[in-house]
Amino acid sequence: MASNQSPSTQNNSDEIDLGQLFQLIGRGFNAIFRWFLKVFLYFKKNLLLLIGLVVVGLAIGYGLNKIISKKYKTEVIVKPQIESKNYLYDVVNELQSNIGSRDTLFFKSIGIENIDFNGLNIEISRVEEVGNTESDTQYLELLQSFENTDAIADIVRAELQNKSSFNHRITFYYKNPTVGKVFAEKVLNYINTNTYFNGLLEVYRSNATARIKEDEKLLVQVDEIIANYTNGLASKANNSSNDKIILDNQEQVNIADIFEYKTGLIRDIEAKKLELEERTVPVSIINLGQPQVENKSFFGKSIVLLPIIFITVFFILSILVYLNRKSKSLL
């Protein structure tokens, strides 16, 4: 008989446990509802005060934006030549130090008179290149086709040189847009007055010019050899299958090597002409931008920042008052 009552007792126990569980869930929902209700009543009670704080903050921020003068900037993209990157960063730090110390004598020495140091600042950073993983993979696959050729050395050398020489951005900040660009130009002229690097550039340009002249002489000789070979083929049909050239010393040269040598001379001349065009100053100016208003971040504007500060302070004070009242009730 006891065994017959056991399942009924267990079912009743399960029903009691489920009932308690549903009661706990209901209490939890009621607690959450009461919390939302308290928050709603809190905002309803202080709605006018919060609106007033926002309006006052917006008004003060708007007034400050009208009072505070705008700040302008000029961005210059430059490329250091002949390993002058460290010099570029050092000279920018020197200029910034002279601005911080308000050294008027230094700026007069580089041709800047009546300089206004208010809001004046110089910054430098490397221009980050946007990489494309898919295009880089395709480029590496393309390089594999040149793996067993002489061109791979030139390609790798050019790529390493391109990756090791970065462009840099010099940003000039100032408040007077009429003299800001002039200030930037005079500073850039000062950067390029380095005696050591200008002396090196003269040597580089002299060597490049001499190299071009020698290559052009060799190119003329190679053209004469190719022309003589072509005329010989036209006059002697039986030599049409011979791809060798016999020079004065009876040494045979492959005609394909002659054409490859000519191509190398042309590439060398092109590279040296490009070097003469680029290496004119220690730091080449790629782009000298126009004066532009400095764009501040959204939260950096006082018209938005002040209302947020006022409301945050109000919430903090309300929490402190609430904690103080609860602490007194516990005593």
Protein backbone atom coordinates (compact mmCIF):
# COMPACT_ATOMS: atom_id res chain seq x y z
CA MET A 1 0.00 0.00 0.00
CA ALA A 2 2.92 2.28 0.71
CA SER A 3 4.32 1.50 -2.69
CA ASN A 4 1.07 2.64 -4.35
CA GLN A 5 1.27 6.08 -2.65
CA SER A 6 4.85 6.76 -3.64
CA PRO A 7 4.27 7.94 -7.28
CA SER A 8 1.48 10.28 -6.16
CA THR A 9 3.72 11.87 -3.57
CA GLN A 10 6.50 12.35 -6.14
CA ASN A 11 4.10 14.00 -8.62
CA ASN A 12 2.92 16.42 -5.96
CA SER A 13 6.53 17.29 -5.15
CA ASP A 14 7.26 17.98 -8.83
CA GLU A 15 4.19 20.20 -9.11
CA ILE A 16 5.29 22.16 -6.05
CA ASP A 17 8.79 22.64 -7.48
CA LEU A 18 7.41 23.86 -10.84
CA GLY A 19 5.06 26.21 -9.06
CA GLN A 20 7.93 27.70 -7.07
CA LEU A 21 9.97 28.06 -10.25
CA PHE A 22 7.18 29.95 -12.01
CA GLN A 23 6.76 32.14 -8.93
CA LEU A 24 10.47 33.02 -9.00
CA ILE A 25 10.29 33.83 -12.72
CA GLY A 26 7.25 36.02 -12.12
CA ARG A 27 9.02 37.84 -9.29
CA GLY A 28 12.02 38.41 -11.56
CA PHE A 29 9.85 39.95 -14.29
CA ASN A 30 8.10 42.09 -11.71
CA ALA A 31 11.44 43.31 -10.38
CA ILE A 32 12.62 44.21 -13.88
CA PHE A 33 9.33 45.99 -14.59
CA ARG A 34 9.56 47.93 -11.33
CA TRP A 35 13.17 48.93 -12.20
CA PHE A 36 12.11 50.24 -15.63
CA LEU A 37 9.21 52.03 -13.97
CA LYS A 38 11.57 53.70 -11.49
CA VAL A 39 13.89 54.79 -14.33
CA PHE A 40 10.91 56.17 -16.26
CA LEU A 41 9.70 58.09 -13.20
CA TYR A 42 13.24 59.38 -12.60
CA PHE A 43 13.52 60.76 -16.14
CA LYS A 44 9.97 62.12 -15.95
CA LYS A 45 10.76 63.90 -12.72
CA ASN A 46 14.02 65.43 -14.04
CA LEU A 47 12.99 65.88 -17.69
CA LEU A 48 12.91 69.68 -17.58
CA LEU A 49 16.24 69.82 -15.78
CA LEU A 50 17.89 67.50 -18.35
CA ILE A 51 16.49 69.53 -21.24
CA GLY A 52 17.78 72.69 -19.58
CA LEU A 53 21.27 71.22 -19.21
CA VAL A 54 21.33 70.21 -22.89
CA VAL A 55 20.15 73.66 -24.02
CA VAL A 56 22.69 75.44 -21.81
CA GLY A 57 25.50 73.15 -23.02
CA LEU A 58 24.58 73.70 -26.67
CA ALA A 59 24.42 77.46 -26.16
CA ILE A 60 27.80 77.62 -24.43
CA GLY A 61 29.38 75.31 -27.05
CA TYR A 62 27.98 77.37 -29.90
CA GLY A 63 29.32 80.53 -28.29
CA LEU A 64 32.77 79.02 -27.83
CA ASN A 65 32.88 77.90 -31.49
CA LYS A 66 32.13 81.45 -32.52
CA ILE A 67 34.72 82.95 -30.18
CA ILE A 68 37.55 80.47 -30.83
CA SER A 69 39.22 81.06 -34.18
CA LYS A 70 39.47 78.29 -36.76
CA LYS A 71 42.65 76.32 -37.18
CA TYR A 72 44.06 75.59 -40.63
CA LYS A 73 46.54 73.07 -41.95
CA THR A 74 48.65 72.41 -45.02
CA GLU A 75 49.67 68.85 -45.88
CA VAL A 76 52.83 68.24 -47.89
CA ILE A 77 53.78 64.84 -49.34
CA VAL A 78 57.57 64.48 -49.61
CA LYS A 79 60.04 61.76 -50.57
CA PRO A 80 63.51 61.64 -48.98
CA GLN A 81 66.39 61.07 -51.41
CA ILE A 82 69.78 59.34 -50.87
CA GLU A 83 68.92 57.95 -47.41
CA SER A 84 67.92 61.32 -45.97
CA LYS A 85 64.89 59.99 -44.03
CA ASN A 86 66.52 60.31 -40.59
CA TYR A 87 67.65 63.82 -41.45
CA LEU A 88 64.06 64.71 -42.40
CA TYR A 89 62.68 63.58 -39.02
CA ASP A 90 65.50 65.30 -37.13
CA VAL A 91 64.98 68.63 -38.87
CA VAL A 92 61.21 68.50 -38.27
CA ASN A 93 61.86 67.87 -34.56
CA GLU A 94 64.27 70.81 -34.59
CA LEU A 95 61.62 73.07 -36.14
CA GLN A 96 58.99 71.95 -33.64
CA SER A 97 61.42 72.60 -30.77
CA ASN A 98 62.07 76.13 -32.06
CA ILE A 99 58.32 76.71 -32.28
CA GLY A 100 57.89 75.53 -28.68
CA SER A 101 60.64 77.87 -27.48
CA ARG A 102 59.32 80.73 -29.70
CA ASP A 103 62.76 81.28 -31.20
CA THR A 104 62.12 84.28 -33.46
CA LEU A 105 65.82 84.63 -34.35
CA PHE A 106 65.91 81.16 -35.88
CA PHE A 107 62.89 81.79 -38.08
CA LYS A 108 64.26 85.18 -39.14
CA SER A 109 67.41 83.40 -40.27
CA ILE A 110 65.35 81.27 -42.69
CA GLY A 111 63.37 84.26 -43.99
CA ILE A 112 60.23 84.18 -41.83
CA GLU A 113 59.49 87.60 -40.32
CA ASN A 114 56.82 88.51 -37.72
CA ILE A 115 55.91 84.90 -37.03
CA ASP A 116 52.74 84.13 -35.06
CA PHE A 117 53.35 81.14 -32.79
CA ASN A 118 49.69 80.79 -31.69
CA GLY A 119 48.36 77.50 -32.99
CA LEU A 120 51.57 76.84 -34.94
CA ASN A 121 52.64 73.21 -35.09
CA ILE A 122 54.49 70.79 -37.39
CA GLU A 123 53.98 67.02 -37.54
CA ILE A 124 55.45 64.29 -39.73
CA SER A 125 54.32 60.74 -40.43
CA ARG A 126 54.87 58.01 -42.97
CA VAL A 127 52.31 57.66 -45.73
CA GLU A 128 50.80 54.22 -45.35
CA GLU A 129 50.30 52.34 -48.59
CA VAL A 130 47.03 50.49 -49.08
CA GLY A 131 47.76 46.83 -49.71
CA ASN A 132 45.63 44.39 -51.66
CA THR A 133 46.13 40.75 -50.75
CA GLU A 134 44.64 39.43 -53.98
CA SER A 135 46.74 41.69 -56.21
CA ASP A 136 49.87 40.87 -54.20
CA THR A 137 49.25 37.15 -54.72
CA GLN A 138 48.79 37.65 -58.46
CA TYR A 139 52.01 39.67 -58.55
CA LEU A 140 53.96 36.88 -56.84
CA GLU A 141 52.53 34.33 -59.26
CA LEU A 142 53.61 36.55 -62.15
CA LEU A 143 57.14 36.74 -60.75
CA GLN A 144 57.40 32.95 -60.92
CA SER A 145 57.33 33.13 -64.71
CA PHE A 146 60.59 35.15 -64.57
CA GLU A 147 62.25 32.75 -62.13
CA ASN A 148 64.90 31.41 -64.53
CA THR A 149 65.52 34.63 -66.46
CA ASP A 150 67.97 37.51 -66.06
CA ALA A 151 65.09 39.96 -65.65
CA ILE A 152 64.21 38.64 -62.19
CA ALA A 153 67.22 40.38 -60.60
CA ASP A 154 66.19 43.78 -61.98
CA ILE A 155 62.58 43.27 -60.92
CA VAL A 156 63.49 42.26 -57.37
CA ARG A 157 65.98 45.13 -57.06
CA ALA A 158 63.40 47.67 -58.20
CA GLU A 159 60.76 46.22 -55.88
CA LEU A 160 63.08 46.30 -52.85
CA GLN A 161 64.02 49.90 -53.61
CA ASN A 162 60.34 50.82 -53.91
CA LYS A 163 59.46 49.14 -50.60
CA SER A 164 62.40 50.67 -48.70
CA SER A 165 61.72 54.29 -49.74
CA PHE A 166 58.44 55.56 -48.35
CA ASN A 167 56.71 58.86 -48.89
CA HIS A 168 56.11 61.01 -45.83
CA ARG A 169 53.48 63.59 -44.90
CA ILE A 170 54.48 66.85 -43.22
CA THR A 171 51.47 68.67 -41.75
CA PHE A 172 51.67 72.38 -40.89
CA TYR A 173 49.03 73.72 -38.44
CA TYR A 174 48.40 77.46 -38.12
CA LYS A 175 45.65 80.03 -37.56
CA ASN A 176 46.42 82.60 -40.26
CA PRO A 177 45.64 81.10 -43.71
CA THR A 178 47.28 84.00 -45.58
CA VAL A 179 50.77 83.30 -44.22
CA GLY A 180 50.46 79.57 -43.52
CA LYS A 181 51.38 78.34 -46.98
CA VAL A 182 54.27 80.82 -47.19
CA PHE A 183 55.52 79.51 -43.86
CA ALA A 184 55.36 75.93 -45.17
CA GLU A 185 57.27 76.82 -48.36
CA LYS A 186 60.05 78.59 -46.45
CA VAL A 187 60.38 75.67 -44.04
CA LEU A 188 60.66 73.23 -46.97
CA ASN A 189 63.34 75.43 -48.53
CA TYR A 190 65.23 75.33 -45.24
CA ILE A 191 64.99 71.53 -45.12
CA ASN A 192 66.60 71.33 -48.57
CA THR A 193 69.56 73.58 -47.70
CA ASN A 194 71.58 70.79 -46.10
CA THR A 195 75.18 71.14 -47.36
CA TYR A 196 76.11 67.49 -46.95
CA PHE A 197 73.19 66.03 -48.89
CA ASN A 198 73.39 68.70 -51.60
CA GLY A 199 77.06 67.80 -52.09
CA LEU A 200 76.14 64.13 -52.44
CA LEU A 201 73.45 65.03 -54.95
CA GLU A 202 76.00 66.85 -57.11
CA VAL A 203 78.16 63.72 -57.17
CA TYR A 204 75.17 61.49 -57.99
CA ARG A 205 74.04 63.78 -60.80
CA SER A 206 77.55 64.05 -62.21
CA ASN A 207 77.94 60.27 -62.21
CA ALA A 208 74.53 59.79 -63.79
CA THR A 209 75.30 62.29 -66.55
CA ALA A 210 78.64 60.62 -67.34
CA ARG A 211 76.96 57.20 -67.31
CA ILE A 212 74.35 58.36 -69.81
CA LYS A 213 77.02 59.69 -72.19
CA GLU A 214 78.99 56.43 -72.05
CA ASP A 215 75.86 54.33 -72.56
CA GLU A 216 74.84 56.43 -75.54
CA LYS A 217 78.27 55.91 -77.14
CA LEU A 218 78.03 52.15 -76.59
CA LEU A 219 74.50 52.19 -77.97
CA VAL A 220 75.71 53.78 -81.19
CA GLN A 221 78.37 51.08 -81.55
CA VAL A 222 75.84 48.32 -80.90
CA ASP A 223 73.53 49.79 -83.54
CA GLU A 224 76.41 49.77 -86.04
CA ILE A 225 77.13 46.09 -85.28
CA ILE A 226 73.47 45.18 -85.74
CA ALA A 227 73.28 47.19 -88.97
CA ASN A 228 76.37 45.48 -90.36
CA TYR A 229 74.96 42.09 -89.41
CA THR A 230 71.67 42.91 -91.14
CA ASN A 231 73.47 44.07 -94.30
CA GLY A 232 75.58 40.90 -94.28
CA LEU A 233 72.48 38.74 -94.13
CA ALA A 234 70.98 40.58 -97.07
CA SER A 235 74.08 40.21 -99.24
CA LYS A 236 74.87 36.57 -98.35
CA ALA A 237 71.85 34.33 -98.43
CA ASN A 238 73.93 31.32 -97.42
CA ASN A 239 74.62 32.93 -94.02
CA SER A 240 70.96 33.34 -93.20
CA SER A 241 71.01 30.39 -90.85
CA ASN A 242 74.04 31.60 -88.91
CA ASP A 243 73.15 33.57 -85.75
CA LYS A 244 76.78 34.40 -84.85
CA ILE A 245 78.68 37.65 -85.41
CA ILE A 246 82.44 37.49 -86.04
CA LEU A 247 84.20 40.53 -84.59
CA ASP A 248 87.63 41.90 -85.55
CA ASN A 249 89.36 39.60 -83.07
CA GLN A 250 87.72 36.57 -84.74
CA GLU A 251 85.52 36.04 -81.64
CA GLN A 252 82.00 34.91 -82.34
CA VAL A 253 79.12 36.64 -80.51
CA ASN A 254 75.52 35.47 -80.40
CA ILE A 255 73.19 38.01 -82.01
CA ALA A 256 70.64 37.46 -79.21
CA ASP A 257 73.25 38.61 -76.67
CA ILE A 258 73.79 41.76 -78.71
CA PHE A 259 70.10 42.62 -78.64
CA GLU A 260 69.93 41.86 -74.91
CA TYR A 261 72.94 44.10 -74.30
CA LYS A 262 71.27 46.89 -76.28
CA THR A 263 68.10 46.53 -74.21
CA GLY A 264 70.17 46.76 -71.02
CA LEU A 265 71.85 49.96 -72.25
CA ILE A 266 68.46 51.53 -73.03
CA ARG A 267 67.12 50.61 -69.58
CA ASP A 268 70.22 52.00 -67.90
CA ILE A 269 69.88 55.29 -69.79
CA GLU A 270 66.21 55.54 -68.82
CA ALA A 271 67.01 54.83 -65.15
CA LYS A 272 69.75 57.46 -65.05
CA LYS A 273 67.54 60.07 -66.71
CA LEU A 274 64.85 59.34 -64.12
CA GLU A 275 67.48 59.66 -61.39
CA LEU A 276 68.51 63.07 -62.71
CA GLU A 277 64.88 64.17 -62.70
CA GLU A 278 64.17 62.96 -59.14
CA ARG A 279 67.41 63.73 -57.33
CA THR A 280 67.45 67.50 -57.47
CA VAL A 281 67.02 68.21 -53.73
CA PRO A 282 67.55 66.12 -50.56
CA VAL A 283 63.79 65.94 -49.95
CA SER A 284 61.59 65.95 -53.06
CA ILE A 285 58.17 67.61 -52.78
CA ILE A 286 55.53 65.40 -54.39
CA ASN A 287 52.50 67.49 -53.48
CA LEU A 288 52.15 70.84 -51.70
CA GLY A 289 48.54 71.08 -50.59
CA GLN A 290 46.40 74.18 -50.24
CA PRO A 291 45.35 75.58 -46.82
CA GLN A 292 42.32 73.76 -45.42
CA VAL A 293 40.27 73.96 -42.25
CA GLU A 294 41.23 71.31 -39.74
CA ASN A 295 38.31 68.91 -39.30
CA LYS A 296 37.73 68.00 -35.67
CA SER A 297 36.17 64.76 -34.54
CA PHE A 298 32.49 64.75 -33.56
CA PHE A 299 33.09 64.46 -29.82
CA GLY A 300 35.95 66.95 -30.03
CA LYS A 301 33.57 69.81 -30.82
CA SER A 302 32.60 71.87 -27.80
CA ILE A 303 29.02 72.25 -29.07
CA VAL A 304 28.48 68.51 -28.48
CA LEU A 305 30.98 67.89 -25.71
CA LEU A 306 29.60 70.38 -23.17
CA PRO A 307 26.02 68.98 -23.04
CA ILE A 308 27.46 65.46 -22.59
CA ILE A 309 29.65 66.70 -19.72
CA PHE A 310 26.73 68.49 -18.01
CA ILE A 311 24.43 65.46 -18.22
CA THR A 312 27.19 63.09 -17.05
CA VAL A 313 27.91 65.28 -14.01
CA PHE A 314 24.19 65.41 -13.22
CA PHE A 315 23.90 61.58 -13.31
CA ILE A 316 26.97 61.18 -11.12
CA LEU A 317 25.58 63.62 -8.53
CA SER A 318 22.21 61.84 -8.59
CA ILE A 319 23.88 58.47 -7.94
CA LEU A 320 25.90 59.93 -5.07
CA VAL A 321 22.75 61.43 -3.50
CA TYR A 322 20.93 58.11 -3.85
CA LEU A 323 23.80 56.14 -2.27
CA ASN A 324 24.03 58.65 0.55
CA ARG A 325 20.30 58.34 1.30
CA LYS A 326 20.48 54.53 1.28
CA SER A 327 23.52 54.50 3.56
CA LYS A 328 21.67 56.65 6.13
CA SER A 329 18.73 54.25 6.12
CA LEU A 330 21.04 51.40 7.07
CA LEU A 331 22.40 53.16 10.15
